[in-house]
Amino acid sequence: MGARVHDIEAVELRTHPLVLELTGKRSQRTGLEGKFSVYHSAACALLRGDGAPTAYTDEVVNLPELVALRDRVTAVADPACHEASVDIAVTFADGNRVTKHVERAIGSRERPLSDAEIEHKFCVQSGLVIGDAAAARLLDLAWRLETLADSGEVARMAMAG
């Protein structure tokens, strides 16, 4: 959406009731609360283009531009909607409307991550904890798990960072 994200007037989500039961937290003050908010996740996806762990920090949850966009997100539960699906409608200030149907979420059973996506996700998330170089070494080791004499090597590498 690029620069148009700042022209968003409303975001409407239609999803399975379970999604709202688990992630229907309307207002958040902490990163942990943001993890349980479809509103925060939708705003992050539109504004930042991702849902990485860095989208769920206390700082990000309280960013004024994110809060402003999050407040324009509404969600409706629809039992006819699959648990891993969503209908999204974005209305812009000029009246234009963009809709998207996501049949199955990325990473769901029906739409699994590719090896490249798994690698990217692993490196982004573990790199925050153990550093990029150690994450790359650990990933390489994990992909070679079948050839290792001792699978404990993976655990030892993870602990060593």
Protein backbone atom coordinates (compact mmCIF):
# COMPACT_ATOMS: atom_id res chain seq x y z
CA MET A 1 0.00 0.00 0.00
CA GLY A 2 2.97 2.28 0.41
CA ALA A 3 2.25 5.93 1.14
CA ARG A 4 -1.51 5.28 0.87
CA VAL A 5 -1.47 3.61 4.28
CA HIS A 6 -1.69 7.08 5.84
CA ASP A 7 -4.91 7.72 3.87
CA ILE A 8 -6.73 4.72 5.32
CA GLU A 9 -10.08 5.67 6.74
CA ALA A 10 -11.29 2.22 7.79
CA VAL A 11 -10.22 -1.41 7.82
CA GLU A 12 -12.88 -4.08 8.09
CA LEU A 13 -12.08 -7.72 8.83
CA ARG A 14 -14.46 -10.67 8.54
CA THR A 15 -13.11 -13.78 10.23
CA HIS A 16 -14.04 -16.91 12.13
CA PRO A 17 -15.42 -16.33 15.68
CA LEU A 18 -12.48 -18.27 17.18
CA VAL A 19 -10.08 -15.65 15.84
CA LEU A 20 -11.90 -12.93 17.78
CA GLU A 21 -12.22 -15.15 20.83
CA LEU A 22 -8.43 -15.64 20.90
CA THR A 23 -7.24 -12.31 19.49
CA GLY A 24 -10.11 -9.89 20.09
CA LYS A 25 -8.25 -7.63 22.53
CA ARG A 26 -9.37 -4.18 21.43
CA SER A 27 -6.91 -1.95 23.27
CA GLN A 28 -3.34 -2.76 24.11
CA ARG A 29 -0.65 -1.19 26.24
CA THR A 30 1.97 -3.91 26.16
CA GLY A 31 3.57 -6.02 23.49
CA LEU A 32 2.09 -9.14 25.04
CA GLU A 33 -1.41 -7.69 24.77
CA GLY A 34 -0.66 -6.83 21.13
CA LYS A 35 -0.04 -10.52 20.40
CA PHE A 36 -3.68 -11.16 21.31
CA SER A 37 -5.11 -8.46 19.09
CA VAL A 38 -6.23 -8.98 15.51
CA TYR A 39 -6.62 -5.17 15.44
CA HIS A 40 -2.97 -4.59 16.29
CA SER A 41 -1.82 -7.30 13.90
CA ALA A 42 -3.85 -5.85 11.03
CA ALA A 43 -2.53 -2.35 11.69
CA CYS A 44 1.06 -3.65 11.87
CA ALA A 45 0.66 -5.55 8.63
CA LEU A 46 -0.62 -2.45 6.85
CA LEU A 47 1.73 0.07 8.41
CA ARG A 48 4.92 -1.97 8.84
CA GLY A 49 4.40 -4.82 6.40
CA ASP A 50 5.05 -7.59 8.89
CA GLY A 51 4.06 -9.51 11.96
CA ALA A 52 7.55 -10.26 13.21
CA PRO A 53 8.27 -10.31 16.95
CA THR A 54 9.45 -6.70 16.66
CA ALA A 55 5.82 -5.74 15.91
CA TYR A 56 4.85 -6.89 19.41
CA THR A 57 7.03 -4.80 21.68
CA ASP A 58 5.72 -2.33 24.25
CA GLU A 59 7.21 0.48 22.18
CA VAL A 60 5.54 -0.52 18.91
CA VAL A 61 2.15 -1.18 20.53
CA ASN A 62 2.15 2.43 21.72
CA LEU A 63 3.39 4.16 18.53
CA PRO A 64 0.91 6.98 17.86
CA GLU A 65 0.58 6.24 14.13
CA LEU A 66 -0.02 2.57 14.84
CA VAL A 67 -2.58 3.31 17.56
CA ALA A 68 -4.38 5.71 15.19
CA LEU A 69 -4.60 3.07 12.45
CA ARG A 70 -5.51 0.32 14.90
CA ASP A 71 -8.44 2.41 16.09
CA ARG A 72 -9.82 2.37 12.53
CA VAL A 73 -9.83 -1.44 12.36
CA THR A 74 -13.08 -3.30 12.99
CA ALA A 75 -13.67 -7.05 12.98
CA VAL A 76 -16.80 -9.11 12.54
CA ALA A 77 -17.15 -12.77 13.48
CA ASP A 78 -18.58 -14.97 10.74
CA PRO A 79 -19.05 -18.69 11.51
CA ALA A 80 -19.07 -19.41 7.77
CA CYS A 81 -15.48 -18.18 7.53
CA HIS A 82 -12.72 -20.82 7.89
CA GLU A 83 -10.49 -20.42 10.97
CA ALA A 84 -7.44 -19.66 8.78
CA SER A 85 -9.26 -17.29 6.38
CA VAL A 86 -10.09 -13.61 6.43
CA ASP A 87 -11.84 -11.05 4.27
CA ILE A 88 -10.25 -7.62 4.41
CA ALA A 89 -11.73 -4.36 3.15
CA VAL A 90 -9.69 -1.16 3.29
CA THR A 91 -11.46 2.14 2.66
CA PHE A 92 -9.38 5.20 1.85
CA ALA A 93 -10.16 8.84 2.58
CA ASP A 94 -10.86 9.46 -1.13
CA GLY A 95 -13.60 6.79 -1.05
CA ASN A 96 -11.65 4.12 -2.90
CA ARG A 97 -11.99 0.65 -1.44
CA VAL A 98 -9.65 -2.33 -1.77
CA THR A 99 -10.76 -5.82 -0.79
CA LYS A 100 -8.81 -9.02 -0.35
CA HIS A 101 -9.83 -12.54 0.53
CA VAL A 102 -7.13 -14.63 2.17
CA GLU A 103 -8.24 -18.23 1.67
CA ARG A 104 -5.71 -19.62 4.15
CA ALA A 105 -3.16 -17.83 6.30
CA ILE A 106 0.50 -18.28 5.48
CA GLY A 107 1.83 -21.00 7.74
CA SER A 108 -1.51 -22.79 8.05
CA ARG A 109 -1.75 -26.51 7.30
CA GLU A 110 -3.20 -25.76 3.87
CA ARG A 111 -0.56 -23.13 3.08
CA PRO A 112 2.67 -24.21 4.78
CA LEU A 113 5.80 -22.13 4.76
CA SER A 114 8.43 -22.94 2.15
CA ASP A 115 11.94 -23.82 3.28
CA ALA A 116 13.07 -20.30 2.37
CA GLU A 117 10.23 -18.78 4.42
CA ILE A 118 11.06 -21.04 7.37
CA GLU A 119 14.71 -19.98 7.16
CA HIS A 120 13.79 -16.29 7.02
CA LYS A 121 11.38 -16.57 9.95
CA PHE A 122 13.89 -18.56 12.01
CA CYS A 123 16.72 -16.10 11.36
CA VAL A 124 14.60 -13.02 12.08
CA GLN A 125 13.19 -14.40 15.30
CA SER A 126 16.22 -16.18 16.72
CA GLY A 127 18.59 -13.47 15.54
CA LEU A 128 16.91 -11.13 18.03
CA VAL A 129 17.91 -13.46 20.84
CA ILE A 130 21.23 -15.02 19.86
CA GLY A 131 22.48 -12.75 17.11
CA ASP A 132 22.44 -13.17 13.33
CA ALA A 133 25.68 -15.15 13.02
CA ALA A 134 24.71 -17.67 15.70
CA ALA A 135 21.23 -17.99 14.18
CA ALA A 136 22.73 -18.78 10.77
CA ARG A 137 25.03 -21.42 12.30
CA LEU A 138 22.15 -22.96 14.23
CA LEU A 139 19.95 -23.02 11.15
CA ASP A 140 22.65 -24.78 9.16
CA LEU A 141 23.03 -27.35 11.91
CA ALA A 142 19.26 -27.90 12.15
CA TRP A 143 19.00 -28.55 8.40
CA ARG A 144 21.74 -31.18 8.79
CA LEU A 145 20.12 -32.86 11.79
CA GLU A 146 19.78 -36.22 10.04
CA THR A 147 23.52 -36.39 9.42
CA LEU A 148 24.66 -35.44 12.91
CA ALA A 149 26.18 -38.13 15.09
CA ASP A 150 24.61 -36.48 18.13
CA SER A 151 21.43 -34.38 17.88
CA GLY A 152 22.47 -32.75 21.15
CA GLU A 153 24.81 -30.65 18.99
CA VAL A 154 21.83 -28.47 18.11
CA ALA A 155 21.01 -27.85 21.76
CA ARG A 156 24.64 -27.14 22.64
CA MET A 157 24.93 -24.68 19.73
CA ALA A 158 21.73 -22.94 20.81
CA MET A 159 23.01 -22.57 24.36
CA ALA A 160 26.41 -21.32 23.22
CA GLY A 161 24.84 -18.64 21.03
